[in-house]
């Protein structure tokens, strides 16, 4: 897979320097032991309170250095990608930030982290420092395992311990709150791909239609593979695993963590699915969705929950300096606000009215456009994204569905209603342009009952806002000459002008508006613009009926 980096050997140190350069002047710093010993710490730290130290391998950004700052970590110790920092690195961090009130080490339950942080703690105690260590083992993916992994739920412990340290509590109290919190956290992850380490060959172990449940934050295999399915079903599976581990009747905080590569749109869908599930009713505070403890570019997410009490709720909701921490929000229902209603008058809210001739004309036009869906899509597939026929047919079907509600006996109101329908149902730029066309024509028709002049007024507004003119290879190439001919009172001439205009687009080798502007001359040659073809067909129908 492709990555943005210079050299594999320097990727971690360059990333940490990037964090420091963008974190605000004077807020953070690094020890001069860099790059061999990579310690990021608060530049304003005065050692008057318990120091909170965490860390681990890189690749989990913004964890851990991104959470250093007032109200959270005092220092973070970084190893190379997915590699624990050395004993010397951890010991150096302890020496740098620990004062008379001592230090708490918060460690994820991986062997390398336990050993290196543990030995550093023992050496620090031998040097006279007061040090405690809390190990977080929140992953429930593998049942009955003696040593569950520490994953994103570790962030709850960071926040809670740091809150008590910031208040001035002693080390024993801070460590007790941290250990209690660690014992009440459960987490579970899900991913659609493994992660890719920069500079290393990558091979995804998952098939095209597979996902992995319960995988670790270093790309370790999950406890099981599952078939790709809707998010609601995936979340239901995760909820079924998580729910039995929660205390009945208790309220919880939920951390929705992006493991690195899930787009924000999909993370919002995941959040909706989780909070709409039975688990959502047990959640009081929500943190995320956000990338908070990632696994490089893993296309996955994890859910972490902690049982709440008054102290934990206070700790999780207090504001902190690091931007990587997402403020907790209370679980709430969606606030639905009434949309403004259109005033009665010359618009779609006008009362229905009957006119047999207008009904027959609109019906014939819509049925013709629907019948051309495949052909227009075929043409658009040559010069655009292949959906013009579907877009036009959708608009036509919407008009037919509301035909009985149209004020067919009042031309200005009918034009306004058509503008409303197409603007809301047709989609894309075509829907907006036609809505502008009919809306402006309706206004002109209300001022003066001249249909030809009104349609020309609609064309003027449509080209003003849309920016396209004759020769730009759009529907305007058929519509403009047709309306000019129609102004002379000859509908047959208008139909011929529209057909000629559509035909002329076949020889236009450069589009200056619409998605065809991205298409080269070779692909445009001999292909008519689908919007112009639709307009020509519509005028042909009108001419045959009048």
Protein backbone atom coordinates (compact mmCIF):
# COMPACT_ATOMS: atom_id res chain seq x y z
CA UNK A 1 0.00 0.00 0.00
CA UNK A 2 1.04 3.61 -0.51
CA UNK A 3 2.10 5.87 2.36
CA UNK A 4 3.37 9.41 2.86
CA UNK A 5 6.78 9.23 4.54
CA UNK A 6 10.45 9.99 3.93
CA UNK A 7 12.39 7.16 5.54
CA UNK A 8 11.02 4.35 7.61
CA UNK A 9 13.73 4.97 10.19
CA UNK A 10 12.64 8.55 10.86
CA UNK A 11 8.87 8.39 10.46
CA UNK A 12 8.11 8.40 14.20
CA UNK A 13 10.47 11.24 15.14
CA UNK A 14 9.27 13.37 12.21
CA UNK A 15 5.65 12.75 13.21
CA UNK A 16 6.34 13.76 16.81
CA UNK A 17 8.04 16.92 15.64
CA UNK A 18 5.02 17.62 13.44
CA UNK A 19 2.82 17.32 16.52
CA UNK A 20 5.03 19.73 18.47
CA UNK A 21 5.09 22.27 15.65
CA UNK A 22 1.28 22.32 15.44
CA UNK A 23 0.36 22.08 19.13
CA UNK A 24 0.69 25.74 20.05
CA UNK A 25 3.76 27.64 21.14
CA UNK A 26 5.09 26.65 24.55
CA UNK A 27 2.44 24.03 25.32
CA UNK A 28 4.54 20.91 24.76
CA UNK A 29 8.18 20.01 24.44
CA UNK A 30 10.50 17.05 23.99
CA UNK A 31 13.55 15.97 25.90
CA UNK A 32 16.96 16.55 24.34
CA UNK A 33 17.51 12.77 24.38
CA UNK A 34 15.51 12.76 21.16
CA UNK A 35 15.50 10.80 18.84
CA UNK A 36 16.93 7.82 20.72
CA UNK A 37 14.61 8.44 23.64
CA UNK A 38 11.31 9.88 22.50
CA UNK A 39 9.54 11.66 25.36
CA UNK A 40 6.88 14.34 24.80
CA UNK A 41 5.98 16.31 27.93
CA UNK A 42 4.20 19.38 29.20
CA UNK A 43 6.46 22.40 28.86
CA UNK A 44 4.68 24.11 31.77
CA UNK A 45 5.01 21.21 34.23
CA UNK A 46 6.22 22.26 37.70
CA UNK A 47 6.18 18.83 39.45
CA UNK A 48 3.79 20.05 42.13
CA UNK A 49 1.20 17.36 41.39
CA UNK A 50 1.15 13.66 40.61
CA UNK A 51 2.60 13.10 37.13
CA UNK A 52 0.60 10.91 34.73
CA UNK A 53 2.79 9.03 32.26
CA UNK A 54 1.70 6.68 29.50
CA UNK A 55 3.00 5.54 26.16
CA UNK A 56 3.74 2.59 23.94
CA UNK A 57 4.50 1.92 20.34
CA UNK A 58 3.82 4.54 17.69
CA UNK A 59 1.09 3.95 15.12
CA UNK A 60 -1.81 4.67 17.48
CA UNK A 61 -1.88 8.44 16.94
CA UNK A 62 -3.11 10.67 18.45
CA UNK A 63 -2.32 8.28 21.30
CA UNK A 64 -0.22 8.80 23.23
CA UNK A 65 1.59 12.10 22.65
CA UNK A 66 -1.56 13.79 21.37
CA UNK A 67 -3.07 13.53 24.86
CA UNK A 68 -0.22 15.31 26.64
CA UNK A 69 -1.35 18.63 28.07
CA UNK A 70 -3.10 20.31 30.98
CA UNK A 71 -5.82 18.08 32.37
CA UNK A 72 -4.43 14.93 30.82
CA UNK A 73 -1.06 13.25 30.45
CA UNK A 74 2.06 14.86 31.84
CA UNK A 75 4.32 12.90 29.51
CA UNK A 76 4.12 10.26 26.79
CA UNK A 77 6.91 7.83 25.90
CA UNK A 78 6.98 6.59 22.32
CA UNK A 79 8.59 3.53 20.81
CA UNK A 80 8.89 2.79 17.12
CA UNK A 81 5.79 1.66 15.22
CA UNK A 82 4.01 -0.99 17.31
CA UNK A 83 7.15 -1.46 19.48
CA UNK A 84 7.28 -0.73 23.18
CA UNK A 85 9.62 2.07 24.30
CA UNK A 86 12.75 0.96 26.09
CA UNK A 87 13.26 0.82 29.83
CA UNK A 88 15.69 3.74 29.56
CA UNK A 89 13.10 5.82 27.71
CA UNK A 90 10.43 5.22 30.34
CA UNK A 91 12.87 5.83 33.19
CA UNK A 92 14.01 9.07 31.58
CA UNK A 93 10.39 10.24 31.41
CA UNK A 94 9.86 9.41 35.08
CA UNK A 95 12.96 11.36 36.07
CA UNK A 96 11.89 14.32 33.94
CA UNK A 97 8.39 14.88 35.36
CA UNK A 98 8.17 13.21 38.77
CA UNK A 99 8.17 15.42 41.84
CA UNK A 100 7.46 14.87 45.53
CA UNK A 101 3.90 13.67 44.89
CA UNK A 102 5.09 10.85 42.62
CA UNK A 103 4.01 9.49 39.25
CA UNK A 104 1.43 7.05 37.89
CA UNK A 105 2.27 4.91 34.85
CA UNK A 106 -0.74 3.84 32.76
CA UNK A 107 0.13 0.83 30.63
CA UNK A 108 -1.79 -1.22 28.07
CA UNK A 109 -1.69 -4.95 28.70
CA UNK A 110 0.94 -6.03 26.20
CA UNK A 111 4.00 -7.98 27.33
CA UNK A 112 6.54 -5.48 26.00
CA UNK A 113 4.81 -2.52 27.64
CA UNK A 114 4.34 -4.33 30.96
CA UNK A 115 7.98 -5.39 31.12
CA UNK A 116 9.60 -2.15 30.00
CA UNK A 117 7.36 0.15 32.04
CA UNK A 118 7.51 -2.27 34.97
CA UNK A 119 11.29 -2.45 35.10
CA UNK A 120 11.52 1.32 34.69
CA UNK A 121 9.15 1.71 37.65
CA UNK A 122 11.31 -0.57 39.80
CA UNK A 123 14.48 1.32 38.87
CA UNK A 124 12.76 4.63 39.57
CA UNK A 125 11.68 3.42 43.01
CA UNK A 126 15.27 2.40 43.70
CA UNK A 127 16.30 5.96 42.87
CA UNK A 128 13.81 7.30 45.40
CA UNK A 129 10.84 8.16 43.17
CA UNK A 130 7.31 7.31 44.31
CA UNK A 131 5.84 5.43 41.32
CA UNK A 132 2.70 3.36 40.83
CA UNK A 133 1.57 1.50 37.72
CA UNK A 134 -1.93 0.59 36.49
CA UNK A 135 -2.40 -1.96 33.71
CA UNK A 136 -5.44 -1.69 31.43
CA UNK A 137 -6.86 -4.92 29.97
CA UNK A 138 -10.21 -3.88 28.48
CA UNK A 139 -10.48 -6.04 25.33
CA UNK A 140 -13.22 -8.71 25.62
CA UNK A 141 -12.66 -10.23 22.17
CA UNK A 142 -11.15 -13.50 23.43
CA UNK A 143 -13.28 -15.08 26.18
CA UNK A 144 -11.63 -16.48 29.32
CA UNK A 145 -8.14 -15.28 28.36
CA UNK A 146 -5.81 -14.65 31.30
CA UNK A 147 -4.24 -11.53 29.81
CA UNK A 148 -6.77 -9.48 27.79
CA UNK A 149 -5.26 -6.78 25.61
CA UNK A 150 -5.33 -3.12 26.51
CA UNK A 151 -6.99 -1.11 23.76
CA UNK A 152 -8.92 2.15 23.32
CA UNK A 153 -10.61 1.95 26.73
CA UNK A 154 -7.21 2.97 28.13
CA UNK A 155 -8.20 6.54 27.27
CA UNK A 156 -10.88 6.47 29.97
CA UNK A 157 -8.14 5.70 32.50
CA UNK A 158 -5.97 8.53 31.14
CA UNK A 159 -8.81 10.99 31.59
CA UNK A 160 -9.93 9.83 35.02
CA UNK A 161 -6.45 9.57 36.53
CA UNK A 162 -5.43 12.93 35.08
CA UNK A 163 -8.55 14.58 36.50
CA UNK A 164 -7.68 13.48 40.02
CA UNK A 165 -4.03 14.43 39.58
CA UNK A 166 -5.01 17.88 38.33
CA UNK A 167 -7.21 18.32 41.43
CA UNK A 168 -4.18 17.75 43.61
CA UNK A 169 -5.06 14.29 44.93
CA UNK A 170 -2.20 12.18 46.27
CA UNK A 171 -0.68 9.28 44.33
CA UNK A 172 -2.51 6.60 46.29
CA UNK A 173 -5.87 8.21 45.52
CA UNK A 174 -5.05 8.81 41.86
CA UNK A 175 -3.86 5.23 41.40
CA UNK A 176 -6.93 3.84 43.15
CA UNK A 177 -9.31 5.73 40.85
CA UNK A 178 -7.29 4.61 37.81
CA UNK A 179 -7.25 0.96 38.86
CA UNK A 180 -10.96 1.00 39.67
CA UNK A 181 -11.74 2.52 36.28
CA UNK A 182 -9.53 -0.01 34.49
CA UNK A 183 -11.53 -2.80 36.07
CA UNK A 184 -14.84 -1.43 34.78
CA UNK A 185 -13.97 -0.96 31.09
CA UNK A 186 -14.86 -3.26 28.20
CA UNK A 187 -13.88 -2.81 24.55
CA UNK A 188 -14.40 -4.62 21.26
CA UNK A 189 -13.06 -3.84 17.78
CA UNK A 190 -14.20 -4.55 14.24
CA UNK A 191 -12.36 -3.98 10.95
CA UNK A 192 -12.76 -4.52 7.22
CA UNK A 193 -9.01 -4.57 6.58
CA UNK A 194 -5.71 -5.11 8.30
CA UNK A 195 -3.37 -2.17 8.76
CA UNK A 196 -0.33 -1.44 6.60
CA UNK A 197 3.01 -0.47 8.16
CA UNK A 198 4.94 2.14 6.13
CA UNK A 199 7.97 0.62 4.45
CA UNK A 200 6.81 -2.96 4.84
CA UNK A 201 5.16 -5.24 2.33
CA UNK A 202 1.44 -5.57 2.99
CA UNK A 203 -0.81 -8.52 2.47
CA UNK A 204 -4.45 -8.27 3.55
CA UNK A 205 -5.59 -11.55 5.06
CA UNK A 206 -9.27 -10.70 4.55
CA UNK A 207 -11.32 -11.51 1.47
CA UNK A 208 -13.29 -8.89 -0.46
CA UNK A 209 -16.50 -9.73 1.41
CA UNK A 210 -15.00 -10.39 4.84
CA UNK A 211 -14.58 -8.42 8.02
CA UNK A 212 -12.79 -9.28 11.24
CA UNK A 213 -14.28 -9.08 14.72
CA UNK A 214 -12.15 -8.68 17.83
CA UNK A 215 -8.82 -7.82 16.25
CA UNK A 216 -6.09 -5.96 18.12
CA UNK A 217 -4.67 -2.48 17.60
CA UNK A 218 -1.44 -3.83 16.11
CA UNK A 219 -3.13 -5.74 13.31
CA UNK A 220 -3.32 -9.01 15.26
CA UNK A 221 -5.92 -11.38 13.79
CA UNK A 222 -9.42 -11.08 15.15
CA UNK A 223 -11.20 -13.76 17.08
CA UNK A 224 -13.38 -14.51 14.06
CA UNK A 225 -14.07 -13.50 10.48
CA UNK A 226 -17.56 -12.44 9.51
CA UNK A 227 -19.26 -11.86 6.18
CA UNK A 228 -19.56 -8.24 5.14
CA UNK A 229 -23.04 -7.06 6.12
CA UNK A 230 -24.99 -3.87 6.91
CA UNK A 231 -23.64 -1.76 9.76
CA UNK A 232 -26.72 -2.40 11.88
CA UNK A 233 -26.04 -6.15 11.77
CA UNK A 234 -22.35 -5.71 12.57
CA UNK A 235 -23.21 -3.47 15.51
CA UNK A 236 -25.85 -5.94 16.69
CA UNK A 237 -23.18 -8.65 16.84
CA UNK A 238 -20.86 -6.38 18.83
CA UNK A 239 -23.66 -5.32 21.17
CA UNK A 240 -24.49 -8.97 21.82
CA UNK A 241 -20.87 -9.54 22.96
CA UNK A 242 -20.56 -6.34 24.99
CA UNK A 243 -23.92 -6.23 26.77
CA UNK A 244 -23.46 -9.27 29.05
CA UNK A 245 -20.27 -7.71 30.44
CA UNK A 246 -22.09 -4.57 31.63
CA UNK A 247 -23.63 -4.16 35.05
CA UNK A 248 -27.41 -4.26 34.84
CA UNK A 249 -29.11 -0.95 35.57
CA UNK A 250 -25.91 1.10 35.44
CA UNK A 251 -25.30 4.00 33.08
CA UNK A 252 -22.15 4.07 30.99
CA UNK A 253 -19.86 6.27 28.97
CA UNK A 254 -19.27 5.12 25.40
CA UNK A 255 -16.13 5.81 23.37
CA UNK A 256 -16.64 5.36 19.61
CA UNK A 257 -13.11 5.07 18.24
CA UNK A 258 -12.01 5.21 14.61
CA UNK A 259 -9.13 2.77 14.13
CA UNK A 260 -7.63 4.97 11.45
CA UNK A 261 -9.21 4.85 8.01
CA UNK A 262 -13.00 4.91 8.34
CA UNK A 263 -14.41 8.05 6.63
CA UNK A 264 -16.28 10.46 8.91
CA UNK A 265 -19.50 9.76 7.00
CA UNK A 266 -19.29 6.05 7.85
CA UNK A 267 -18.30 6.74 11.45
CA UNK A 268 -21.46 8.80 11.84
CA UNK A 269 -23.50 5.89 10.45
CA UNK A 270 -21.79 3.59 12.96
CA UNK A 271 -22.57 6.01 15.80
CA UNK A 272 -26.22 6.11 14.79
CA UNK A 273 -26.40 2.32 14.66
CA UNK A 274 -24.82 1.93 18.11
CA UNK A 275 -26.96 4.58 19.79
CA UNK A 276 -30.11 3.20 18.12
CA UNK A 277 -29.35 -0.30 19.42
CA UNK A 278 -30.40 -1.63 22.85
CA UNK A 279 -26.91 -0.70 24.05
CA UNK A 280 -27.68 2.95 23.38
CA UNK A 281 -30.25 2.97 26.17
CA UNK A 282 -27.49 2.13 28.66
CA UNK A 283 -25.27 5.04 27.55
CA UNK A 284 -25.26 8.38 29.33
CA UNK A 285 -22.08 9.98 27.96
CA UNK A 286 -20.71 9.72 24.40
CA UNK A 287 -17.12 10.44 23.35
CA UNK A 288 -16.52 10.48 19.62
CA UNK A 289 -16.79 9.20 17.01
CA UNK A 290 -13.16 10.15 16.43
CA UNK A 291 -9.73 8.64 15.78
CA UNK A 292 -8.35 8.52 19.31
CA UNK A 293 -6.42 5.26 19.51
CA UNK A 294 -5.78 4.12 15.97
CA UNK A 295 -3.99 1.23 14.32
CA UNK A 296 -2.32 3.17 11.50
CA UNK A 297 -4.69 2.94 8.52
CA UNK A 298 -6.95 0.16 9.75
CA UNK A 299 -10.41 0.42 8.20
CA UNK A 300 -12.22 -0.35 11.42
CA UNK A 301 -13.65 0.95 14.66
CA UNK A 302 -13.92 -0.03 18.29
CA UNK A 303 -16.47 0.51 21.03
CA UNK A 304 -15.40 1.01 24.65
CA UNK A 305 -17.68 1.38 27.67
CA UNK A 306 -17.10 2.26 31.30
CA UNK A 307 -19.59 2.16 34.13
CA UNK A 308 -20.29 5.66 35.42
CA UNK A 309 -20.51 7.08 38.90
CA UNK A 310 -20.51 10.72 39.95
CA UNK A 311 -16.71 10.95 40.18
CA UNK A 312 -16.12 9.34 36.78
CA UNK A 313 -18.75 11.50 35.14
CA UNK A 314 -17.09 14.62 36.52
CA UNK A 315 -13.69 13.39 35.35
CA UNK A 316 -14.86 12.56 31.82
CA UNK A 317 -16.76 15.80 31.26
CA UNK A 318 -14.23 18.35 32.52
CA UNK A 319 -12.54 20.35 29.76
CA UNK A 320 -8.86 19.65 29.00
CA UNK A 321 -6.18 21.25 26.87
CA UNK A 322 -5.29 18.50 24.32
CA UNK A 323 -7.39 18.83 21.19
CA UNK A 324 -7.24 15.09 20.54
CA UNK A 325 -9.64 14.44 23.43
CA UNK A 326 -13.21 14.72 22.16
CA UNK A 327 -15.48 16.43 24.72
CA UNK A 328 -18.08 14.08 26.15
CA UNK A 329 -21.72 14.80 25.31
CA UNK A 330 -24.80 13.55 27.08
CA UNK A 331 -26.99 10.98 25.38
CA UNK A 332 -30.01 12.80 23.95
CA UNK A 333 -32.80 12.44 21.47
CA UNK A 334 -32.66 14.10 18.05
CA UNK A 335 -34.08 17.62 18.17
CA UNK A 336 -36.58 17.90 15.32
CA UNK A 337 -37.44 21.48 14.36
CA UNK A 338 -40.39 22.30 12.13
CA UNK A 339 -39.33 23.43 8.67
CA UNK A 340 -40.78 26.72 7.41
CA UNK A 341 -43.78 26.20 5.17
CA UNK A 342 -44.11 28.00 1.85
CA UNK A 343 -46.63 30.80 1.83
CA UNK A 344 -49.83 30.13 -0.09
CA UNK A 345 -49.88 31.57 -3.56
CA UNK A 346 -47.99 30.94 -6.78
CA UNK A 347 -46.22 27.74 -5.75
CA UNK A 348 -46.69 24.05 -5.11
CA UNK A 349 -49.00 24.83 -2.16
CA UNK A 350 -51.62 26.22 -4.58
CA UNK A 351 -54.93 24.39 -4.74
CA UNK A 352 -55.31 21.73 -7.41
CA UNK A 353 -57.13 22.64 -10.60
CA UNK A 354 -58.08 20.80 -13.79
CA UNK A 355 -57.26 21.48 -17.43
CA UNK A 356 -57.53 18.49 -19.76
CA UNK A 357 -55.17 19.89 -22.39
CA UNK A 358 -52.41 20.68 -19.87
CA UNK A 359 -52.85 17.29 -18.19
CA UNK A 360 -52.47 15.49 -21.52
CA UNK A 361 -49.38 17.55 -22.43
CA UNK A 362 -47.57 17.04 -19.10
CA UNK A 363 -48.43 13.33 -19.06
CA UNK A 364 -47.08 12.80 -22.57
CA UNK A 365 -43.88 14.71 -21.80
CA UNK A 366 -43.21 12.75 -18.60
CA UNK A 367 -43.95 9.37 -20.20
CA UNK A 368 -41.60 10.17 -23.08
CA UNK A 369 -38.76 11.17 -20.73
CA UNK A 370 -39.26 8.00 -18.67
CA UNK A 371 -39.13 5.88 -21.84
CA UNK A 372 -35.77 7.47 -22.72
CA UNK A 373 -34.09 6.60 -19.39
CA UNK A 374 -31.82 3.86 -20.74
CA UNK A 375 -30.82 5.74 -23.88
CA UNK A 376 -30.00 8.93 -22.00
CA UNK A 377 -27.98 6.95 -19.46
CA UNK A 378 -26.10 5.31 -22.33
CA UNK A 379 -25.23 8.69 -23.82
CA UNK A 380 -24.25 10.10 -20.47
CA UNK A 381 -22.06 7.06 -19.82
CA UNK A 382 -19.99 8.18 -22.80
CA UNK A 383 -19.55 11.80 -21.67
CA UNK A 384 -20.43 11.93 -17.97
CA UNK A 385 -21.29 9.70 -15.04
CA UNK A 386 -24.09 7.76 -16.71
CA UNK A 387 -27.08 8.96 -14.70
CA UNK A 388 -28.80 11.66 -16.78
CA UNK A 389 -31.57 9.30 -17.89
CA UNK A 390 -32.25 8.13 -14.34
CA UNK A 391 -32.18 11.70 -13.03
CA UNK A 392 -34.63 12.94 -15.68
CA UNK A 393 -36.88 9.89 -15.27
CA UNK A 394 -36.98 10.40 -11.50
CA UNK A 395 -38.15 13.96 -12.01
CA UNK A 396 -40.76 12.87 -14.55
CA UNK A 397 -42.10 10.13 -12.25
CA UNK A 398 -42.38 12.64 -9.40
CA UNK A 399 -44.41 15.01 -11.59
CA UNK A 400 -46.75 12.19 -12.65
CA UNK A 401 -47.19 11.11 -9.03
CA UNK A 402 -48.34 14.61 -8.11
CA UNK A 403 -50.30 15.34 -11.27
CA UNK A 404 -53.65 15.35 -9.46
CA UNK A 405 -52.39 17.99 -7.03
CA UNK A 406 -51.22 20.46 -9.69
CA UNK A 407 -53.11 23.71 -10.39
CA UNK A 408 -53.46 22.75 -14.06
CA UNK A 409 -56.00 25.50 -14.73
CA UNK A 410 -53.47 28.23 -13.77
CA UNK A 411 -50.33 28.21 -15.96
CA UNK A 412 -48.17 30.38 -13.66
CA UNK A 413 -49.00 28.25 -10.62
CA UNK A 414 -48.39 25.07 -12.63
CA UNK A 415 -44.93 26.27 -13.66
CA UNK A 416 -44.13 27.12 -10.03
CA UNK A 417 -45.30 23.69 -8.87
CA UNK A 418 -43.13 21.99 -11.49
CA UNK A 419 -40.16 24.00 -10.23
CA UNK A 420 -40.86 22.87 -6.65
CA UNK A 421 -41.21 19.20 -7.61
CA UNK A 422 -38.07 19.05 -9.74
CA UNK A 423 -36.03 20.97 -7.18
CA UNK A 424 -36.78 18.44 -4.45
CA UNK A 425 -37.02 15.15 -6.35
CA UNK A 426 -34.75 15.27 -9.37
CA UNK A 427 -31.37 15.77 -7.74
CA UNK A 428 -28.05 16.75 -9.28
CA UNK A 429 -27.39 19.96 -11.15
CA UNK A 430 -30.10 19.19 -13.71
CA UNK A 431 -32.80 19.24 -11.04
CA UNK A 432 -31.64 22.58 -9.71
CA UNK A 433 -31.30 24.12 -13.16
CA UNK A 434 -34.77 23.03 -14.24
CA UNK A 435 -36.21 24.19 -10.94
CA UNK A 436 -34.66 27.62 -11.53
CA UNK A 437 -36.03 27.58 -15.08
CA UNK A 438 -39.63 26.82 -14.09
CA UNK A 439 -39.59 29.02 -10.98
CA UNK A 440 -38.36 32.08 -12.92
CA UNK A 441 -40.81 31.34 -15.75
CA UNK A 442 -43.64 31.17 -13.21
CA UNK A 443 -42.74 34.60 -11.85
CA UNK A 444 -42.63 36.09 -15.35
CA UNK A 445 -45.93 34.39 -16.27
CA UNK A 446 -47.61 35.83 -13.17
CA UNK A 447 -46.47 39.30 -14.17
CA UNK A 448 -47.58 38.93 -17.80
CA UNK A 449 -49.55 36.07 -19.30
CA UNK A 450 -47.18 35.32 -22.17
CA UNK A 451 -45.90 31.74 -22.06
CA UNK A 452 -43.17 32.24 -24.68
CA UNK A 453 -41.79 35.30 -22.89
CA UNK A 454 -42.04 33.54 -19.55
CA UNK A 455 -40.05 30.54 -20.76
CA UNK A 456 -37.37 32.85 -22.19
CA UNK A 457 -37.21 34.56 -18.79
CA UNK A 458 -36.71 31.15 -17.21
CA UNK A 459 -33.90 30.41 -19.68
CA UNK A 460 -32.24 33.73 -18.84
CA UNK A 461 -32.16 32.93 -15.10
CA UNK A 462 -31.08 29.35 -15.67
CA UNK A 463 -28.11 30.36 -17.81
CA UNK A 464 -27.21 33.17 -15.40
CA UNK A 465 -26.95 30.86 -12.42
CA UNK A 466 -25.73 27.81 -14.30
CA UNK A 467 -23.12 29.66 -16.35
CA UNK A 468 -23.68 27.69 -19.56
CA UNK A 469 -24.55 29.20 -22.93
CA UNK A 470 -25.03 28.08 -26.50
CA UNK A 471 -21.92 26.25 -27.66
CA UNK A 472 -20.97 24.93 -24.20
CA UNK A 473 -22.32 21.44 -24.92
CA UNK A 474 -25.28 21.33 -22.53
CA UNK A 475 -29.07 21.21 -22.74
CA UNK A 476 -28.95 24.96 -23.43
CA UNK A 477 -27.76 24.16 -26.98
CA UNK A 478 -31.19 22.67 -27.67
CA UNK A 479 -33.31 24.76 -25.31
CA UNK A 480 -32.20 28.25 -26.33
CA UNK A 481 -32.84 27.99 -30.10
CA UNK A 482 -36.10 26.13 -29.46
CA UNK A 483 -37.49 28.83 -27.18
CA UNK A 484 -36.47 31.57 -29.58
CA UNK A 485 -38.33 29.80 -32.38
CA UNK A 486 -41.30 29.21 -30.07
CA UNK A 487 -41.46 32.96 -29.40
CA UNK A 488 -42.44 33.41 -33.06
CA UNK A 489 -45.46 31.20 -32.47
CA UNK A 490 -44.27 28.17 -34.48
CA UNK A 491 -44.02 25.10 -32.24
CA UNK A 492 -42.96 22.90 -35.18
CA UNK A 493 -40.07 25.27 -35.85
CA UNK A 494 -39.19 25.12 -32.16
CA UNK A 495 -39.02 21.31 -32.30
CA UNK A 496 -36.78 21.43 -35.38
CA UNK A 497 -34.51 24.01 -33.71
CA UNK A 498 -34.21 21.83 -30.60
CA UNK A 499 -33.33 18.77 -32.68
CA UNK A 500 -30.73 20.73 -34.64
CA UNK A 501 -29.26 22.10 -31.43
CA UNK A 502 -28.95 18.62 -29.92
CA UNK A 503 -27.35 17.31 -33.11
CA UNK A 504 -24.82 20.17 -33.08
CA UNK A 505 -23.40 18.97 -29.76
CA UNK A 506 -22.00 15.88 -31.52
CA UNK A 507 -19.36 18.03 -33.19
CA UNK A 508 -18.48 20.13 -30.13
CA UNK A 509 -15.08 18.77 -29.13
CA UNK A 510 -14.84 20.76 -25.92
CA UNK A 511 -17.44 21.02 -23.18
CA UNK A 512 -17.36 24.21 -21.13
CA UNK A 513 -19.95 23.29 -18.52
CA UNK A 514 -21.14 20.16 -16.73
CA UNK A 515 -19.25 16.95 -16.06
CA UNK A 516 -18.36 16.57 -19.73
CA UNK A 517 -15.72 19.25 -19.11
CA UNK A 518 -13.59 16.46 -17.61
CA UNK A 519 -13.86 14.30 -20.75
CA UNK A 520 -11.31 14.44 -23.56
CA UNK A 521 -12.08 15.26 -27.21
CA UNK A 522 -11.73 11.65 -28.33
CA UNK A 523 -14.56 10.54 -26.04
CA UNK A 524 -16.82 13.46 -26.92
CA UNK A 525 -16.57 13.05 -30.70
CA UNK A 526 -19.88 12.04 -32.29
CA UNK A 527 -21.78 11.79 -28.99
CA UNK A 528 -24.72 14.14 -28.43
CA UNK A 529 -25.16 15.79 -25.06
CA UNK A 530 -27.83 13.76 -23.21
CA UNK A 531 -29.48 16.84 -21.69
CA UNK A 532 -29.85 18.41 -25.13
CA UNK A 533 -31.28 15.15 -26.48
CA UNK A 534 -33.86 15.12 -23.66
CA UNK A 535 -34.88 18.71 -24.50
CA UNK A 536 -35.18 17.92 -28.19
CA UNK A 537 -37.36 14.91 -27.45
CA UNK A 538 -39.60 16.99 -25.20
CA UNK A 539 -40.16 19.61 -27.90
CA UNK A 540 -40.90 16.85 -30.38
CA UNK A 541 -43.65 15.54 -28.10
CA UNK A 542 -45.14 19.00 -27.68
CA UNK A 543 -45.13 19.58 -31.44
CA UNK A 544 -46.93 16.28 -32.04
CA UNK A 545 -49.71 17.17 -29.62
CA UNK A 546 -50.36 20.80 -30.54
